[in-house]
Structure formats: structure tokens, C-alpha cells
Protein backbone atom coordinates (compact mmCIF):
# COMPACT_ATOMS: atom_id res chain seq x y z
CA MET A 1 -141.35 2.07 -47.47
CA ARG A 2 -140.57 1.96 -51.17
CA ALA A 3 -138.34 3.78 -53.62
CA THR A 4 -137.56 3.61 -57.34
CA ALA A 5 -134.68 4.73 -59.53
CA THR A 6 -135.42 5.28 -63.22
CA TRP A 7 -132.64 5.60 -65.76
CA GLN A 8 -132.82 8.89 -67.65
CA ARG A 9 -129.66 8.94 -69.85
CA ASP A 10 -125.95 8.18 -69.56
CA GLN A 11 -125.45 7.45 -65.83
CA GLN A 12 -128.23 9.78 -64.66
CA TYR A 13 -131.27 8.54 -62.75
CA ASP A 14 -134.43 9.94 -61.24
CA ALA A 15 -135.03 8.44 -57.82
CA GLU A 16 -138.48 8.71 -56.30
CA SER A 17 -139.50 8.06 -52.72
CA ASP A 18 -142.72 6.44 -51.62
CA SER A 19 -143.90 9.90 -50.54
CA GLY A 20 -143.45 11.24 -54.08
CA HIS A 21 -140.22 13.22 -53.67
CA HIS A 22 -137.63 13.13 -56.45
CA VAL A 23 -133.82 13.25 -56.37
CA ALA A 24 -131.59 13.34 -59.44
CA LEU A 25 -128.60 10.99 -59.15
CA ASP A 26 -125.51 10.70 -61.33
CA GLY A 27 -123.28 7.63 -61.32
CA ASP A 28 -120.72 9.26 -63.63
CA ALA A 29 -117.41 10.24 -62.03
CA ALA A 30 -118.08 13.96 -62.63
CA HIS A 31 -121.51 13.87 -60.89
CA ARG A 32 -122.80 16.78 -63.02
CA GLY A 33 -126.41 15.62 -62.91
CA GLY A 34 -126.69 15.12 -59.15
CA PRO A 35 -125.02 13.35 -56.26
CA SER A 36 -123.73 9.82 -56.60
CA PRO A 37 -125.57 7.09 -54.71
CA MET A 38 -122.78 6.99 -52.09
CA GLU A 39 -122.88 10.77 -51.69
CA LEU A 40 -126.61 10.46 -51.12
CA VAL A 41 -126.00 7.84 -48.39
CA LEU A 42 -123.60 10.24 -46.66
CA MET A 43 -126.11 13.08 -47.02
CA ALA A 44 -128.76 10.80 -45.49
CA LEU A 45 -126.50 10.14 -42.51
CA CYS A 46 -125.94 13.86 -41.93
CA SER A 47 -129.66 14.56 -42.24
CA CYS A 48 -130.74 11.66 -40.03
CA THR A 49 -128.48 12.62 -37.15
CA ALA A 50 -129.32 16.33 -37.57
CA VAL A 51 -133.02 15.55 -37.17
CA ASP A 52 -132.26 13.69 -33.94
CA VAL A 53 -129.97 16.37 -32.50
CA VAL A 54 -132.40 19.21 -33.27
CA SER A 55 -135.26 17.26 -31.67
CA ILE A 56 -133.22 16.47 -28.56
CA LEU A 57 -131.92 20.04 -28.16
CA HIS A 58 -135.48 21.38 -28.52
CA LYS A 59 -136.70 18.94 -25.85
CA LYS A 60 -133.87 20.07 -23.56
CA ARG A 61 -134.86 23.69 -24.28
CA GLU A 62 -131.33 24.51 -25.38
CA PRO A 63 -131.07 27.92 -27.09
CA PHE A 64 -129.29 26.80 -30.25
CA THR A 65 -129.49 29.07 -33.29
CA SER A 66 -127.99 26.79 -35.94
CA LEU A 67 -126.86 23.25 -36.62
CA THR A 68 -124.88 21.93 -39.55
CA VAL A 69 -123.69 18.34 -39.67
CA SER A 70 -120.86 17.58 -42.08
CA ALA A 71 -119.20 14.27 -42.86
CA VAL A 72 -115.93 13.09 -44.34
CA ALA A 73 -115.88 9.44 -45.38
CA GLU A 74 -113.14 7.05 -46.41
CA GLN A 75 -114.01 4.26 -48.82
CA ALA A 76 -112.51 0.84 -49.45
CA PRO A 77 -109.99 1.00 -52.31
CA GLN A 78 -111.61 -1.89 -54.25
CA ALA A 79 -115.18 -2.68 -55.21
CA PRO A 80 -117.49 -2.72 -53.45
CA ARG A 81 -116.23 0.68 -52.27
CA VAL A 82 -118.08 0.69 -48.96
CA PHE A 83 -117.41 3.35 -46.38
CA THR A 84 -114.75 2.21 -43.92
CA HIS A 85 -114.56 5.30 -41.70
CA ILE A 86 -116.82 8.33 -41.30
CA GLN A 87 -115.98 11.47 -39.33
CA LEU A 88 -119.05 13.56 -38.46
CA THR A 89 -118.74 17.17 -37.32
CA TYR A 90 -121.63 18.90 -35.60
CA HIS A 91 -121.38 22.69 -35.96
CA VAL A 92 -123.66 24.06 -33.22
CA GLY A 93 -124.48 27.75 -32.97
CA GLY A 94 -125.91 29.58 -29.97
CA GLU A 95 -125.64 29.38 -26.21
CA VAL A 96 -125.80 25.59 -25.98
CA SER A 97 -124.31 23.70 -23.07
CA ALA A 98 -121.53 21.35 -24.17
CA LYS A 99 -123.08 18.53 -22.13
CA ALA A 100 -126.45 18.91 -23.87
CA ALA A 101 -124.84 18.88 -27.32
CA GLU A 102 -122.65 15.89 -26.45
CA ASP A 103 -125.62 13.99 -25.02
CA ALA A 104 -127.69 14.75 -28.13
CA ALA A 105 -124.96 13.57 -30.53
CA ALA A 106 -124.32 10.43 -28.47
CA LEU A 107 -128.03 9.58 -28.28
CA SER A 108 -128.35 10.00 -32.02
CA LYS A 109 -125.33 7.79 -32.75
CA ASN A 110 -126.06 5.11 -30.19
CA LYS A 111 -129.85 4.94 -30.15
CA TYR A 112 -131.92 6.93 -32.64
CA CYS A 113 -130.26 7.40 -36.04
CA SER A 114 -131.20 4.38 -38.16
CA VAL A 115 -128.84 5.40 -40.97
CA SER A 116 -125.93 5.50 -38.51
CA LYS A 117 -126.87 2.12 -37.06
CA MET A 118 -126.87 0.57 -40.55
CA LEU A 119 -123.60 2.17 -41.64
CA GLU A 120 -121.71 1.31 -38.46
CA LYS A 121 -121.93 -2.36 -39.47
CA ALA A 122 -119.31 -1.56 -42.14
CA ALA A 123 -117.71 1.72 -41.05
CA ALA A 124 -116.34 3.20 -37.87
CA ILE A 125 -118.24 6.43 -37.17
CA ASP A 126 -116.62 9.11 -35.02
CA TYR A 127 -117.83 12.60 -34.28
CA ARG A 128 -116.73 15.92 -32.91
CA ILE A 129 -118.66 19.05 -32.00
CA THR A 130 -117.73 22.65 -32.69
CA TYR A 131 -119.51 25.58 -31.10
CA SER A 132 -120.00 29.16 -32.16
CA LYS A 133 -121.75 31.74 -30.09
CA THR A 134 -123.37 34.74 -31.71
CA GLY A 135 -120.64 37.15 -32.75
CA ALA A 136 -117.79 34.81 -31.73
CA GLY A 137 -115.58 32.30 -33.49
CA ALA A 138 -116.03 28.55 -33.30
CA THR A 139 -114.52 26.49 -30.54
CA GLU A 140 -114.04 22.75 -30.68
CA VAL A 141 -114.72 20.04 -28.13
């Protein structure tokens, strides 16, 4: 696997993956030209674990209708400003059993999500799951 980041102007970069996909990044504090590299890492974590959870819920034939994974991260106060704690929230929609959702999130965190496994070497990663059924409000577990 390979990737490149090419400086465009100011603190803006064009990152390209080995598969030819491009992402604009912005290292400036305002992040007007795209996410910062650390934001992109957090987005990668959310995406990686979402891929796992969707795959697991499909295999379990759980009738979920939506999944959104959000993250809130704390960073070290001094450089390098690594993540020190990450709180993931899985927002699961549909008639999904709590056990199936919990098992899927745990399997992702503990076994399948390579981004999570790398980040947990520096940051504690916790998660919670909220549920919303069609036409009803969210409940939290």
C-alpha cells in the first residue's frame, strides 16, 4: 500500500492513495481547504469500524436501517499532539438486537479494525451504542 501528499499552496495538500483516490488536506488551523491530517485519522477510525460493524450485522442478518459512527478525541496538550482518549458512538437504526450490536462493536474494536488497533497503542478507545427504531427516539446502552 502506498500514498502520497503533494503540497499545493499555503498549508494545503493533495493526498493520493495507491488506488488513485484523492483527498484535500489543510494543515492550517482554520482547515478551510479540507480536514487536517489528525481529523483524517479520526475519520479513518470511524470508517474502519463502521465497515466492520455493517459486515457483522449483515452476517448476523440483523435488520438495521442505518449506522453512523461518530468520535470525540482528546489530544495531548504539547507536540506531538497524539490522541490520548477517543470516545466512539455507534448510532444504530432499525430493529437490531442490543447483543448483536454490542458483539459487532466489540469484535471490531478487539479483532478486526486495524485503525483502532494502531491507535489504541497511544489512546484509550471507549465506545457506546445508541439505538433508534423507525419512528421512535434514540435510546442509549
